[in-house]
Amino acid sequence: MNTAIVIIGLAMLIFVIVFSLKRAKEKRKTWEAEREKIKAYGEKINEETRNRDK
């Protein structure tokens, strides 16, 4: 009985860890995509400013 409880507890712990890591990976991927969009927008504005001053 105790062995079964320990196994179930470990399985739940592993599930929580894997789920958390997966969610963190997705959040980082989303953050990087947003960062790239902001970077591209900034470069576009810089390019427009350079072309306007010429």
Protein backbone atom coordinates (compact mmCIF):
# COMPACT_ATOMS: atom_id res chain seq x y z
CA MET A 1 0.00 0.00 0.00
CA ASN A 2 2.74 2.46 0.93
CA THR A 3 4.67 1.59 -2.21
CA ALA A 4 1.65 2.40 -4.37
CA ILE A 5 1.21 5.76 -2.68
CA VAL A 6 4.89 6.60 -3.19
CA ILE A 7 4.71 5.62 -6.87
CA ILE A 8 1.56 7.69 -7.41
CA GLY A 9 3.14 10.64 -5.59
CA LEU A 10 6.30 10.46 -7.70
CA ALA A 11 4.25 10.18 -10.89
CA MET A 12 2.29 13.28 -9.93
CA LEU A 13 5.49 15.16 -9.11
CA ILE A 14 7.07 14.21 -12.44
CA PHE A 15 3.90 15.28 -14.27
CA VAL A 16 3.94 18.69 -12.56
CA ILE A 17 7.62 19.21 -13.38
CA VAL A 18 7.20 18.22 -17.03
CA PHE A 19 4.08 20.37 -17.39
CA SER A 20 5.87 23.37 -15.86
CA LEU A 21 8.89 22.96 -18.14
CA LYS A 22 6.66 22.67 -21.20
CA ARG A 23 4.76 25.82 -20.25
CA ALA A 24 7.99 27.73 -19.60
CA LYS A 25 9.31 26.68 -23.01
CA GLU A 26 6.13 27.91 -24.72
CA LYS A 27 6.25 31.23 -22.85
CA ARG A 28 9.88 31.75 -23.83
CA LYS A 29 9.11 30.99 -27.47
CA THR A 30 6.24 33.51 -27.42
CA TRP A 31 8.46 36.10 -25.70
CA GLU A 32 11.18 35.65 -28.34
CA ALA A 33 8.66 36.05 -31.16
CA GLU A 34 7.34 39.28 -29.62
CA ARG A 35 10.90 40.51 -29.15
CA GLU A 36 11.63 39.90 -32.83
CA LYS A 37 8.50 41.84 -33.83
CA ILE A 38 9.55 44.78 -31.65
CA LYS A 39 13.09 44.66 -33.04
CA ALA A 40 11.81 44.64 -36.63
CA TYR A 41 9.48 47.56 -35.89
CA GLY A 42 12.34 49.54 -34.33
CA GLU A 43 14.55 48.91 -37.33
CA LYS A 44 11.74 50.01 -39.65
CA ILE A 45 11.31 53.28 -37.72
CA ASN A 46 15.09 53.87 -37.77
CA GLU A 47 15.21 53.27 -41.50
CA GLU A 48 12.32 55.69 -42.10
CA THR A 49 14.04 58.31 -39.96
CA ARG A 50 17.33 57.90 -41.86
CA ASN A 51 15.57 58.17 -45.22
CA ARG A 52 13.58 61.22 -44.13
CA ASP A 53 16.70 63.13 -43.10
CA LYS A 54 18.42 62.65 -46.46
